[in-house]
N, C-alpha and C. Protein backbone atom coordinates (compact mmCIF):
# COMPACT_ATOMS: atom_id res chain seq x y z
N MET A 1 86.08 -57.07 -3.81
CA MET A 1 85.91 -56.01 -4.77
C MET A 1 85.30 -56.60 -6.04
N PRO A 2 84.13 -56.10 -6.45
CA PRO A 2 83.48 -56.65 -7.64
C PRO A 2 84.22 -56.23 -8.91
N LYS A 3 84.29 -57.15 -9.83
CA LYS A 3 84.93 -56.84 -11.11
C LYS A 3 83.86 -56.31 -12.06
N THR A 4 84.21 -55.27 -12.79
CA THR A 4 83.29 -54.75 -13.79
C THR A 4 83.89 -55.01 -15.16
N ARG A 5 83.02 -55.26 -16.10
CA ARG A 5 83.46 -55.58 -17.46
C ARG A 5 83.22 -54.36 -18.34
N LYS A 6 84.22 -53.97 -19.07
CA LYS A 6 84.13 -52.84 -19.97
C LYS A 6 84.24 -53.32 -21.40
N ILE A 7 83.45 -52.73 -22.26
CA ILE A 7 83.63 -53.05 -23.67
C ILE A 7 84.72 -52.14 -24.22
N ALA A 8 85.28 -52.51 -25.33
CA ALA A 8 86.40 -51.76 -25.91
C ALA A 8 86.02 -50.31 -26.20
N GLY A 9 84.80 -50.09 -26.68
CA GLY A 9 84.36 -48.73 -26.99
C GLY A 9 84.41 -47.83 -25.77
N GLN A 10 83.99 -48.34 -24.62
CA GLN A 10 84.03 -47.55 -23.39
C GLN A 10 85.46 -47.24 -22.99
N ALA A 11 86.33 -48.21 -23.11
CA ALA A 11 87.74 -48.00 -22.75
C ALA A 11 88.39 -46.96 -23.66
N ILE A 12 88.07 -46.99 -24.94
CA ILE A 12 88.63 -46.02 -25.88
C ILE A 12 88.15 -44.62 -25.54
N VAL A 13 86.85 -44.48 -25.29
CA VAL A 13 86.31 -43.16 -24.97
C VAL A 13 86.87 -42.64 -23.65
N GLU A 14 87.02 -43.50 -22.66
CA GLU A 14 87.61 -43.08 -21.39
C GLU A 14 89.04 -42.59 -21.59
N ALA A 15 89.79 -43.25 -22.46
CA ALA A 15 91.16 -42.82 -22.74
C ALA A 15 91.17 -41.46 -23.44
N LEU A 16 90.24 -41.25 -24.37
CA LEU A 16 90.15 -39.96 -25.05
C LEU A 16 89.81 -38.84 -24.07
N VAL A 17 88.84 -39.10 -23.20
CA VAL A 17 88.45 -38.10 -22.19
C VAL A 17 89.62 -37.80 -21.26
N ALA A 18 90.34 -38.82 -20.85
CA ALA A 18 91.50 -38.64 -19.96
C ALA A 18 92.58 -37.77 -20.61
N GLU A 19 92.66 -37.81 -21.93
CA GLU A 19 93.65 -37.00 -22.66
C GLU A 19 93.13 -35.60 -22.99
N GLY A 20 91.89 -35.31 -22.60
CA GLY A 20 91.34 -33.98 -22.81
C GLY A 20 90.67 -33.76 -24.16
N VAL A 21 90.39 -34.83 -24.87
CA VAL A 21 89.72 -34.71 -26.17
C VAL A 21 88.28 -34.26 -25.94
N GLU A 22 87.87 -33.22 -26.68
CA GLU A 22 86.52 -32.68 -26.54
C GLU A 22 85.60 -33.09 -27.68
N TYR A 23 86.17 -33.33 -28.86
CA TYR A 23 85.38 -33.67 -30.03
C TYR A 23 86.01 -34.84 -30.78
N VAL A 24 85.15 -35.70 -31.30
CA VAL A 24 85.57 -36.79 -32.17
C VAL A 24 84.82 -36.60 -33.48
N PHE A 25 85.54 -36.47 -34.56
CA PHE A 25 84.94 -36.29 -35.88
C PHE A 25 84.95 -37.63 -36.59
N GLY A 26 83.80 -38.03 -37.11
CA GLY A 26 83.79 -39.32 -37.77
C GLY A 26 82.49 -39.65 -38.46
N LEU A 27 82.52 -40.81 -39.05
CA LEU A 27 81.39 -41.36 -39.79
C LEU A 27 80.96 -42.63 -39.09
N PRO A 28 79.83 -42.60 -38.38
CA PRO A 28 79.39 -43.80 -37.66
C PRO A 28 79.12 -44.96 -38.61
N GLY A 29 79.44 -46.13 -38.14
CA GLY A 29 79.19 -47.33 -38.90
C GLY A 29 79.34 -48.54 -38.00
N SER A 30 79.06 -49.70 -38.54
CA SER A 30 79.07 -50.91 -37.72
C SER A 30 80.44 -51.20 -37.13
N HIS A 31 81.50 -50.78 -37.80
CA HIS A 31 82.85 -51.06 -37.32
C HIS A 31 83.22 -50.24 -36.08
N ILE A 32 82.55 -49.12 -35.83
CA ILE A 32 82.84 -48.33 -34.62
C ILE A 32 81.57 -48.07 -33.80
N HIS A 33 80.60 -48.93 -33.96
CA HIS A 33 79.32 -48.76 -33.26
C HIS A 33 79.49 -48.65 -31.75
N ALA A 34 80.34 -49.48 -31.17
CA ALA A 34 80.53 -49.47 -29.72
C ALA A 34 81.15 -48.15 -29.25
N ILE A 35 82.04 -47.58 -30.05
CA ILE A 35 82.64 -46.30 -29.70
C ILE A 35 81.59 -45.19 -29.77
N CYS A 36 80.78 -45.19 -30.81
CA CYS A 36 79.73 -44.18 -30.95
C CYS A 36 78.75 -44.26 -29.79
N ASP A 37 78.36 -45.45 -29.39
CA ASP A 37 77.46 -45.61 -28.24
C ASP A 37 78.09 -45.06 -26.98
N ALA A 38 79.37 -45.33 -26.77
CA ALA A 38 80.05 -44.84 -25.58
C ALA A 38 80.19 -43.32 -25.62
N LEU A 39 80.39 -42.75 -26.80
CA LEU A 39 80.50 -41.29 -26.92
C LEU A 39 79.20 -40.60 -26.55
N ILE A 40 78.08 -41.20 -26.90
CA ILE A 40 76.78 -40.61 -26.59
C ILE A 40 76.59 -40.48 -25.08
N ASP A 41 77.06 -41.46 -24.33
CA ASP A 41 76.86 -41.48 -22.88
C ASP A 41 77.95 -40.75 -22.11
N ALA A 42 79.05 -40.41 -22.75
CA ALA A 42 80.19 -39.83 -22.03
C ALA A 42 80.04 -38.32 -21.88
N PRO A 43 80.23 -37.81 -20.67
CA PRO A 43 80.19 -36.36 -20.48
C PRO A 43 81.51 -35.73 -20.92
N GLY A 44 81.43 -34.54 -21.49
CA GLY A 44 82.64 -33.80 -21.82
C GLY A 44 83.27 -34.11 -23.15
N ILE A 45 82.65 -34.96 -23.94
CA ILE A 45 83.18 -35.29 -25.26
C ILE A 45 81.99 -35.44 -26.21
N GLU A 46 82.16 -34.95 -27.43
CA GLU A 46 81.04 -34.93 -28.37
C GLU A 46 81.45 -35.55 -29.70
N LEU A 47 80.54 -36.32 -30.26
CA LEU A 47 80.74 -36.91 -31.58
C LEU A 47 80.20 -35.95 -32.63
N VAL A 48 81.05 -35.55 -33.56
CA VAL A 48 80.64 -34.70 -34.68
C VAL A 48 80.49 -35.63 -35.88
N VAL A 49 79.26 -35.84 -36.30
CA VAL A 49 78.96 -36.79 -37.38
C VAL A 49 79.18 -36.12 -38.73
N CYS A 50 79.91 -36.80 -39.59
CA CYS A 50 80.22 -36.31 -40.93
C CYS A 50 79.66 -37.28 -41.97
N LYS A 51 79.48 -36.78 -43.18
CA LYS A 51 78.94 -37.62 -44.24
C LYS A 51 80.01 -38.42 -44.97
N HIS A 52 81.27 -38.02 -44.84
CA HIS A 52 82.35 -38.71 -45.55
C HIS A 52 83.62 -38.62 -44.72
N GLU A 53 84.47 -39.63 -44.84
CA GLU A 53 85.71 -39.67 -44.07
C GLU A 53 86.61 -38.48 -44.36
N ASN A 54 86.66 -38.05 -45.63
CA ASN A 54 87.49 -36.90 -45.97
C ASN A 54 87.03 -35.64 -45.25
N ASN A 55 85.72 -35.45 -45.18
CA ASN A 55 85.18 -34.30 -44.45
C ASN A 55 85.58 -34.35 -42.99
N ALA A 56 85.50 -35.52 -42.39
CA ALA A 56 85.86 -35.67 -40.98
C ALA A 56 87.32 -35.32 -40.76
N ALA A 57 88.18 -35.77 -41.65
CA ALA A 57 89.62 -35.49 -41.52
C ALA A 57 89.90 -33.99 -41.65
N ILE A 58 89.25 -33.34 -42.61
CA ILE A 58 89.45 -31.91 -42.80
C ILE A 58 88.92 -31.13 -41.61
N MET A 59 87.76 -31.51 -41.11
CA MET A 59 87.18 -30.83 -39.94
C MET A 59 88.08 -30.99 -38.72
N ALA A 60 88.57 -32.19 -38.48
CA ALA A 60 89.43 -32.44 -37.33
C ALA A 60 90.74 -31.65 -37.46
N ASP A 61 91.31 -31.64 -38.65
CA ASP A 61 92.55 -30.90 -38.88
C ASP A 61 92.34 -29.40 -38.66
N THR A 62 91.27 -28.86 -39.20
CA THR A 62 90.98 -27.44 -39.05
C THR A 62 90.73 -27.09 -37.59
N TYR A 63 89.96 -27.91 -36.90
CA TYR A 63 89.71 -27.66 -35.48
C TYR A 63 91.02 -27.67 -34.70
N GLY A 64 91.87 -28.62 -34.97
CA GLY A 64 93.16 -28.69 -34.29
C GLY A 64 94.03 -27.49 -34.56
N ARG A 65 94.05 -27.02 -35.79
CA ARG A 65 94.87 -25.85 -36.14
C ARG A 65 94.33 -24.58 -35.49
N LEU A 66 93.00 -24.44 -35.44
CA LEU A 66 92.41 -23.23 -34.88
C LEU A 66 92.47 -23.18 -33.36
N THR A 67 92.46 -24.33 -32.72
CA THR A 67 92.43 -24.35 -31.26
C THR A 67 93.78 -24.68 -30.64
N GLY A 68 94.72 -25.06 -31.46
CA GLY A 68 96.07 -25.35 -30.97
C GLY A 68 96.20 -26.71 -30.46
């Protein structure tokens, strides 16, 4: 059985998808570049790009409250 190597970003996105997460709100940057790359390629989950961390937090909170 061949071993495949996963980067941390892929593993994080796979865990989010497995939990049913549909949207990730955030501010892309070098510290989460691998996660952003994995989100682009992952089906069923979307990165919502924000201009500031506070905006991302408010958007995520509002989305969670409106959708349950």
